Amino acid sequence: MTDSEGVPMDAANQPAAAESGNGTALEGLMRWPDLLSQPIPQPSRTLQIGPDAETDLVDIWLPEGAGLHPTVLMIHGGCWQKEIADRTIMNYAAEALRQEGVAVWNIEYRGVDEEGGGYPGTFLDVARAVDALGERGRSLGLNTNRIVAFGHSAGGHLAVWAAARENLPETSPLYSDDPLHLAGVVNSGGLADLEASAPITDPGCLADIMDQLTGPPSESRADVFSDTSPAALLPVSSKIISVNGAQDRIAPPELGRALTEKVREAGGEADFVNVPVSGHVELIAPGTLAFDIETVALKRLLGLETETAD
């Protein structure tokens, strides 16, 4: 699938399409309107999984046919801020996976710009939605025996964090004694290592809201990354595949490459793919090389056969 640098062997001459971090279009790359101006697909159903009628929501995307469908847990980005994005930004990606025969559990969570969001609310929302998949998924036609996650941007952080919940300290308010296990994660342009990402991504995306996201230090939690940043919760038993656009200014490839090295050094399993001529938008835009690569990765993590050969 990749060469020694993590670049797809057949990718060098393929067209792709993203937007720079400051909103300036880069030649040959997609901008957000290129994706969001398209007719938006709708989920098979929406489920309320908690008391909040606006936040405790999951959109379910079901393929055709009966039986238990292979399932992807999907987590949207938006710099952890609802003003920037909610779960519907992932509708295009979810529908494309549904057409591939894969069910999607697309979750919502409070942003740091919402009441109760940030630490610990954002993380508790994600944990509740993840565990609800394990509790309710089978009755809805989802195969919960082997679940993989797909998180984009801030959602990449939350997806890898969901996989790392097994290592949360018992003293943390985020701790759970039986979190849902994830077989793997596709970390799509993710900001999974908070400390490493803050000085690299746009300040408004992370550095400016870091205090709300991680919460203040305390006597019992001197290191605010100890239960909020996946890089501080290694090793994880899930395989982590980081996919980055080579021209992505929100999540430059160095972040995915560095996280992969950290996971491996800790004894975990990880891969890195650097997609040429791609930015941040292509990663969740069906029809692009980046999204095609991620689809193959998700299906492989699910144990499904694909037509794409190494």
Protein backbone atom coordinates (compact mmCIF):
# COMPACT_ATOMS: atom_id res chain seq x y z
CA MET A 1 0.00 0.00 0.00
CA THR A 2 2.84 2.41 0.78
CA ASP A 3 6.52 2.79 0.11
CA SER A 4 9.15 3.34 2.82
CA GLU A 5 8.13 7.00 3.16
CA GLY A 6 4.46 6.18 3.59
CA VAL A 7 3.58 7.49 0.10
CA PRO A 8 1.16 5.35 -1.93
CA MET A 9 3.12 3.60 -4.67
CA ASP A 10 0.57 4.56 -7.35
CA ALA A 11 -0.19 8.03 -6.02
CA ALA A 12 2.52 10.26 -7.42
CA ASN A 13 0.77 11.10 -10.70
CA GLN A 14 -2.83 11.00 -9.50
CA PRO A 15 -5.02 14.11 -9.31
CA ALA A 16 -6.34 15.11 -5.92
CA ALA A 17 -7.88 18.10 -4.37
CA ALA A 18 -7.78 21.07 0.05
CA GLU A 19 -7.55 24.45 1.46
CA SER A 20 -4.69 26.08 3.27
CA GLY A 21 -4.92 26.86 6.96
CA ASN A 22 -5.54 30.55 6.33
CA GLY A 23 -8.32 29.90 3.83
CA THR A 24 -6.19 30.77 0.79
CA ALA A 25 -6.70 28.34 -2.08
CA LEU A 26 -3.64 26.37 -3.11
CA GLU A 27 -3.40 25.54 -6.78
CA GLY A 28 -4.96 22.18 -7.61
CA LEU A 29 -6.40 21.66 -4.14
CA MET A 30 -9.98 21.64 -2.87
CA ARG A 31 -11.51 24.36 -0.75
CA TRP A 32 -14.37 23.78 1.69
CA PRO A 33 -17.04 25.14 -0.69
CA ASP A 34 -15.99 22.52 -3.24
CA LEU A 35 -17.28 19.88 -0.84
CA LEU A 36 -19.97 21.65 1.16
CA SER A 37 -21.80 23.18 -1.80
CA GLN A 38 -22.74 19.70 -3.02
CA PRO A 39 -26.16 18.24 -2.11
CA ILE A 40 -25.76 16.78 1.35
CA PRO A 41 -26.71 13.11 1.84
CA GLN A 42 -28.93 12.17 4.77
CA PRO A 43 -28.47 9.31 7.27
CA SER A 44 -30.67 6.23 7.52
CA ARG A 45 -31.77 7.35 10.97
CA THR A 46 -30.78 9.56 13.90
CA LEU A 47 -30.66 8.16 17.42
CA GLN A 48 -30.64 10.02 20.73
CA ILE A 49 -28.28 8.19 23.10
CA GLY A 50 -28.42 10.48 26.14
CA PRO A 51 -30.41 13.24 27.85
CA ASP A 52 -29.36 16.15 25.64
CA ALA A 53 -31.58 16.37 22.55
CA GLU A 54 -29.04 18.51 20.69
CA THR A 55 -25.75 16.84 21.62
CA ASP A 56 -26.47 13.21 22.50
CA LEU A 57 -27.15 12.34 18.88
CA VAL A 58 -25.76 9.74 16.52
CA ASP A 59 -26.46 9.51 12.80
CA ILE A 60 -26.59 5.91 11.56
CA TRP A 61 -25.83 5.02 7.96
CA LEU A 62 -26.96 1.51 6.98
CA PRO A 63 -25.97 -0.30 3.78
CA GLU A 64 -28.52 -2.21 1.75
CA GLY A 65 -29.38 -5.73 2.86
CA ALA A 66 -30.02 -7.55 6.09
CA GLY A 67 -27.58 -8.89 8.63
CA LEU A 68 -24.93 -7.33 10.81
CA HIS A 69 -22.94 -4.74 8.85
CA PRO A 70 -19.24 -3.96 9.36
CA THR A 71 -19.16 -0.67 11.24
CA VAL A 72 -17.07 2.50 11.34
CA LEU A 73 -17.25 4.90 14.28
CA MET A 74 -16.98 8.38 12.76
CA ILE A 75 -15.90 11.56 14.59
CA HIS A 76 -15.99 14.98 12.96
CA GLY A 77 -13.48 17.78 13.26
CA GLY A 78 -13.90 21.54 13.40
CA CYS A 79 -11.16 22.53 15.84
CA TRP A 80 -13.30 21.24 18.74
CA GLN A 81 -15.66 24.19 18.09
CA LYS A 82 -19.28 23.76 17.04
CA GLU A 83 -19.25 27.18 15.39
CA ILE A 84 -16.83 25.69 12.86
CA ALA A 85 -18.39 22.28 12.22
CA ASP A 86 -20.78 19.63 13.49
CA ARG A 87 -21.25 15.99 12.56
CA THR A 88 -22.99 16.78 9.26
CA ILE A 89 -19.67 17.79 7.71
CA MET A 90 -18.97 14.04 7.58
CA ASN A 91 -22.20 13.16 5.73
CA TYR A 92 -20.44 12.91 2.37
CA ALA A 93 -17.84 10.51 3.73
CA ALA A 94 -20.47 8.52 5.62
CA GLU A 95 -22.62 8.04 2.53
CA ALA A 96 -19.61 6.97 0.47
CA LEU A 97 -18.75 4.31 3.05
CA ARG A 98 -22.37 3.19 3.18
CA GLN A 99 -22.26 2.63 -0.57
CA GLU A 100 -19.17 0.49 0.02
CA GLY A 101 -21.22 -1.78 2.28
CA VAL A 102 -19.95 -0.29 5.55
CA ALA A 103 -22.27 1.04 8.25
CA VAL A 104 -21.37 4.32 9.96
CA TRP A 105 -22.01 5.51 13.53
CA ASN A 106 -21.44 9.28 13.16
CA ILE A 107 -21.39 10.93 16.58
CA GLU A 108 -21.93 14.43 17.95
CA TYR A 109 -20.24 16.07 20.94
CA ARG A 110 -20.12 19.46 22.64
CA GLY A 111 -17.48 21.87 21.40
CA VAL A 112 -15.41 24.04 23.70
CA ASP A 113 -17.61 26.94 22.58
CA GLU A 114 -20.75 25.34 24.03
CA GLU A 115 -22.00 25.20 27.61
CA GLY A 116 -20.48 22.18 29.31
CA GLY A 117 -18.01 21.61 26.47
CA GLY A 118 -14.27 21.36 26.84
CA TYR A 119 -12.84 19.40 29.76
CA PRO A 120 -14.36 17.08 30.79
CA GLY A 121 -17.64 17.50 28.86
CA THR A 122 -16.36 17.03 25.30
CA PHE A 123 -14.53 13.84 26.25
CA LEU A 124 -17.46 12.46 28.23
CA ASP A 125 -19.76 13.08 25.25
CA VAL A 126 -17.43 11.13 22.98
CA ALA A 127 -17.05 8.29 25.50
CA ARG A 128 -20.83 8.02 25.93
CA ALA A 129 -21.41 7.90 22.16
CA VAL A 130 -18.65 5.34 21.65
CA ASP A 131 -19.93 3.04 24.38
CA ALA A 132 -23.50 3.40 23.11
CA LEU A 133 -22.33 1.79 19.88
CA GLY A 134 -21.21 -1.26 21.81
CA GLU A 135 -24.42 -1.35 23.81
CA ARG A 136 -27.00 -0.69 21.09
CA GLY A 137 -25.29 -1.35 17.79
CA ARG A 138 -26.11 -5.02 17.37
CA SER A 139 -29.84 -4.43 17.80
CA LEU A 140 -29.62 -1.84 15.01
CA GLY A 141 -27.94 -4.17 12.53
CA LEU A 142 -24.32 -3.25 13.29
CA ASN A 143 -21.51 -5.73 13.78
CA THR A 144 -19.92 -4.64 17.05
CA ASN A 145 -17.40 -7.48 17.26
CA ARG A 146 -14.78 -5.50 15.32
CA ILE A 147 -15.20 -1.73 15.21
CA VAL A 148 -12.79 0.76 13.66
CA ALA A 149 -12.81 4.53 13.99
CA PHE A 150 -12.40 7.28 11.42
CA GLY A 151 -11.68 10.74 12.83
CA HIS A 152 -10.85 13.87 10.86
CA SER A 153 -8.79 16.79 12.22
CA ALA A 154 -9.96 17.40 15.82
CA GLY A 155 -11.97 14.22 15.34
CA GLY A 156 -8.71 12.39 14.67
CA HIS A 157 -7.58 13.40 18.15
CA LEU A 158 -10.85 12.20 19.66
CA ALA A 159 -10.80 8.93 17.70
CA VAL A 160 -7.29 8.04 18.83
CA TRP A 161 -8.23 9.16 22.35
CA ALA A 162 -11.22 6.79 22.23
CA ALA A 163 -8.84 3.96 21.37
CA ALA A 164 -6.52 4.99 24.21
CA ARG A 165 -9.24 5.15 26.88
CA GLU A 166 -8.06 1.74 28.07
CA ASN A 167 -5.00 3.52 29.52
CA LEU A 168 -6.74 6.37 31.32
CA PRO A 169 -5.65 6.78 34.95
CA GLU A 170 -8.31 5.72 37.46
CA THR A 171 -8.07 9.14 39.10
CA SER A 172 -9.29 10.86 35.93
CA PRO A 173 -12.96 11.94 35.67
CA LEU A 174 -12.76 10.48 32.14
CA TYR A 175 -11.92 6.98 33.39
CA SER A 176 -14.13 4.01 32.53
CA ASP A 177 -13.47 0.49 33.71
CA ASP A 178 -14.81 -1.14 30.53
CA PRO A 179 -14.42 1.13 27.48
CA LEU A 180 -15.38 -0.17 24.05
CA HIS A 181 -12.36 -1.66 22.29
CA LEU A 182 -11.51 -0.37 18.82
CA ALA A 183 -9.66 -2.65 16.41
CA GLY A 184 -8.08 0.30 14.66
CA VAL A 185 -8.24 4.01 13.89
CA VAL A 186 -7.75 6.01 10.71
CA ASN A 187 -6.40 9.30 12.01
CA SER A 188 -7.33 11.56 9.08
CA GLY A 189 -5.36 14.80 9.19
CA GLY A 190 -5.66 14.45 12.94
CA LEU A 191 -4.30 16.65 15.73
CA ALA A 192 -3.91 13.61 17.97
CA ASP A 193 -0.82 14.75 19.87
CA LEU A 194 -2.09 17.96 21.47
CA GLU A 195 1.24 19.22 22.75
CA ALA A 196 2.95 18.66 19.38
CA SER A 197 0.04 20.02 17.34
CA ALA A 198 -0.51 23.34 19.16
CA PRO A 199 2.54 25.19 17.79
CA ILE A 200 2.05 23.83 14.27
CA THR A 201 -1.64 24.16 13.43
CA ASP A 202 -3.61 27.41 13.20
CA PRO A 203 -3.67 29.07 16.68
CA GLY A 204 -7.44 29.48 16.51
CA CYS A 205 -7.77 25.77 15.97
CA LEU A 206 -5.90 24.64 19.07
CA ALA A 207 -3.51 26.96 20.92
CA ASP A 208 -6.19 29.59 21.57
CA ILE A 209 -8.65 27.05 22.99
CA MET A 210 -6.19 24.64 24.63
CA ASP A 211 -7.10 25.66 28.18
CA GLN A 212 -10.79 24.93 27.61
CA LEU A 213 -10.04 21.62 25.88
CA THR A 214 -7.59 20.21 28.42
CA GLY A 215 -8.86 21.89 31.58
CA PRO A 216 -6.67 23.54 34.22
CA PRO A 217 -3.91 21.67 36.04
CA SER A 218 -4.58 20.63 39.61
CA GLU A 219 -2.78 18.94 42.47
CA SER A 220 -4.14 15.57 41.37
CA ARG A 221 -3.67 16.29 37.65
CA ALA A 222 -0.55 18.37 37.22
CA ASP A 223 -0.14 17.29 33.59
CA VAL A 224 -3.27 18.31 31.66
CA PHE A 225 -2.27 16.04 28.78
CA SER A 226 -2.25 12.95 31.01
CA ASP A 227 -5.86 12.09 30.20
CA THR A 228 -6.61 14.30 27.18
CA SER A 229 -3.80 13.65 24.69
CA PRO A 230 -3.41 10.18 23.14
CA ALA A 231 0.34 10.69 22.91
CA ALA A 232 0.41 10.57 26.73
CA LEU A 233 -1.66 7.36 26.83
CA LEU A 234 0.56 5.01 24.85
CA PRO A 235 0.82 2.17 24.07
CA VAL A 236 -2.59 1.46 22.57
CA SER A 237 -3.78 -1.98 21.50
CA SER A 238 -5.53 -0.55 18.42
CA LYS A 239 -3.68 -0.11 15.14
CA ILE A 240 -3.33 3.59 14.28
CA ILE A 241 -3.11 4.62 10.63
CA SER A 242 -2.37 8.32 10.15
CA VAL A 243 -3.25 9.73 6.73
CA ASN A 244 -2.12 13.26 5.89
CA GLY A 245 -2.30 15.53 2.86
CA ALA A 246 1.14 16.66 1.77
CA GLN A 247 -0.07 20.28 1.42
CA ASP A 248 -2.26 20.32 4.53
CA ARG A 249 -1.58 23.42 6.62
CA ILE A 250 -4.06 22.52 9.37
CA ALA A 251 -2.47 19.13 10.05
CA PRO A 252 0.88 18.97 8.25
CA PRO A 253 2.28 15.49 7.51
CA GLU A 254 4.94 15.88 10.19
CA LEU A 255 2.20 15.39 12.81
CA GLY A 256 1.08 12.04 11.41
CA ARG A 257 4.64 10.88 10.91
CA ALA A 258 5.67 11.83 14.45
CA LEU A 259 2.63 10.19 16.04
CA THR A 260 3.33 7.00 14.10
CA GLU A 261 6.88 6.95 15.43
CA LYS A 262 5.69 7.51 19.00
CA VAL A 263 3.12 4.69 18.78
CA ARG A 264 5.72 2.30 17.39
CA GLU A 265 8.35 3.28 19.94
CA ALA A 266 5.82 2.53 22.70
CA GLY A 267 5.28 -0.95 21.29
CA GLY A 268 2.08 -0.30 19.34
CA GLU A 269 1.22 -0.87 15.69
CA ALA A 270 1.00 2.16 13.40
CA ASP A 271 1.32 3.22 9.77
CA PHE A 272 1.66 6.60 8.09
CA VAL A 273 0.49 7.67 4.62
CA ASN A 274 1.49 11.01 3.11
CA VAL A 275 -0.84 11.76 0.19
CA PRO A 276 0.70 14.02 -2.49
CA VAL A 277 -1.15 17.00 -3.95
CA SER A 278 -3.68 16.89 -1.13
CA GLY A 279 -4.73 19.18 1.68
CA HIS A 280 -7.24 19.05 4.54
CA VAL A 281 -10.50 18.90 2.61
CA GLU A 282 -9.65 15.94 0.37
CA LEU A 283 -9.36 13.74 3.42
CA ILE A 284 -13.15 13.66 3.80
CA ALA A 285 -14.11 14.26 0.17
CA PRO A 286 -15.27 11.14 -1.68
CA GLY A 287 -13.67 10.71 -5.09
CA THR A 288 -10.25 12.01 -4.07
CA LEU A 289 -7.11 9.92 -3.85
CA ALA A 290 -6.87 10.65 -0.12
CA PHE A 291 -10.36 9.39 0.62
CA ASP A 292 -9.86 6.33 -1.57
CA ILE A 293 -6.75 5.46 0.45
CA GLU A 294 -8.65 5.89 3.70
CA THR A 295 -11.52 3.73 2.47
CA VAL A 296 -9.10 0.90 1.68
CA ALA A 297 -7.46 1.33 5.10
CA LEU A 298 -10.81 1.22 6.91
CA LYS A 299 -11.92 -1.90 5.06
CA ARG A 300 -8.65 -3.64 5.81
CA LEU A 301 -8.91 -2.76 9.48
CA LEU A 302 -12.41 -4.23 9.41
CA GLY A 303 -11.04 -7.42 7.90
CA LEU A 304 -12.83 -6.93 4.58
CA GLU A 305 -11.38 -7.93 1.24
CA THR A 306 -10.57 -5.10 -1.17
CA GLU A 307 -9.68 -5.07 -4.83
CA THR A 308 -6.66 -2.87 -4.23
CA ALA A 309 -3.43 -4.87 -4.06
CA ASP A 310 -0.23 -3.94 -2.27
